[in-house]
Amino acid sequence: MTEATDGDGRAAEDVRRPSVAAVARDRRVWLILAIVAGLLVCCCSAVVGTLVALSSGLLSA
């Protein structure tokens, strides 16, 4: 049976994962977090707006 290796031929278990600080410095992480936060704010504001409109009777048929 063969071991899992990375691109350099070393065993995958010997490869160190990047630290949290190194990941936090990556701009892609912040971009993904900003997109998720923006979507969350938009969805929550839409839900709140719908609830306010329903409670004031604006959407009643």
Protein backbone atom coordinates (compact mmCIF):
# COMPACT_ATOMS: atom_id res chain seq x y z
CA MET A 1 0.00 0.00 0.00
CA THR A 2 1.36 3.44 -0.88
CA GLU A 3 1.40 6.47 1.37
CA ALA A 4 -0.35 9.70 0.51
CA THR A 5 2.22 12.26 -0.56
CA ASP A 6 2.19 15.94 -1.35
CA GLY A 7 3.67 17.47 -4.52
CA ASP A 8 7.24 17.31 -3.17
CA GLY A 9 7.09 13.58 -2.53
CA ARG A 10 6.99 13.94 1.25
CA ALA A 11 4.39 12.15 3.34
CA ALA A 12 1.18 14.14 3.69
CA GLU A 13 1.31 13.84 7.46
CA ASP A 14 4.63 15.76 7.52
CA VAL A 15 3.18 18.81 5.76
CA ARG A 16 2.40 21.66 8.16
CA ARG A 17 -0.85 23.52 7.78
CA PRO A 18 -0.69 27.33 7.71
CA SER A 19 -1.30 29.11 10.98
CA VAL A 20 -4.47 31.08 11.69
CA ALA A 21 -2.50 34.33 11.42
CA ALA A 22 -1.25 33.38 7.96
CA VAL A 23 -4.75 32.54 6.82
CA ALA A 24 -6.12 35.80 8.27
CA ARG A 25 -3.58 37.78 6.23
CA ASP A 26 -4.89 36.23 3.03
CA ARG A 27 -7.10 38.73 1.21
CA ARG A 28 -9.25 35.98 -0.30
CA VAL A 29 -10.44 34.99 3.18
CA TRP A 30 -11.52 38.56 3.92
CA LEU A 31 -13.22 38.81 0.53
CA ILE A 32 -15.22 35.64 1.17
CA LEU A 33 -16.15 36.85 4.66
CA ALA A 34 -17.25 40.22 3.26
CA ILE A 35 -19.45 38.55 0.64
CA VAL A 36 -21.04 36.26 3.22
CA ALA A 37 -21.64 39.19 5.58
CA GLY A 38 -23.18 41.25 2.78
CA LEU A 39 -25.52 38.42 1.79
CA LEU A 40 -26.50 37.92 5.42
CA VAL A 41 -27.28 41.63 5.88
CA CYS A 42 -29.32 41.73 2.66
CA CYS A 43 -31.32 38.63 3.55
CA CYS A 44 -31.99 39.78 7.11
CA SER A 45 -33.06 43.26 5.99
CA ALA A 46 -35.41 41.75 3.40
CA VAL A 47 -36.99 39.51 6.05
CA VAL A 48 -37.37 42.41 8.49
CA GLY A 49 -38.86 44.61 5.77
CA THR A 50 -41.35 41.91 4.84
CA LEU A 51 -42.36 41.40 8.47
CA VAL A 52 -42.85 45.14 8.97
CA ALA A 53 -44.93 45.36 5.79
CA LEU A 54 -47.05 42.39 6.87
CA SER A 55 -47.58 43.76 10.35
CA SER A 56 -48.67 47.15 9.03
CA GLY A 57 -51.04 45.54 6.54
CA LEU A 58 -49.31 46.81 3.41
CA LEU A 59 -49.16 43.38 1.80
CA SER A 60 -52.71 42.28 2.56
CA ALA A 61 -54.72 41.44 -0.54
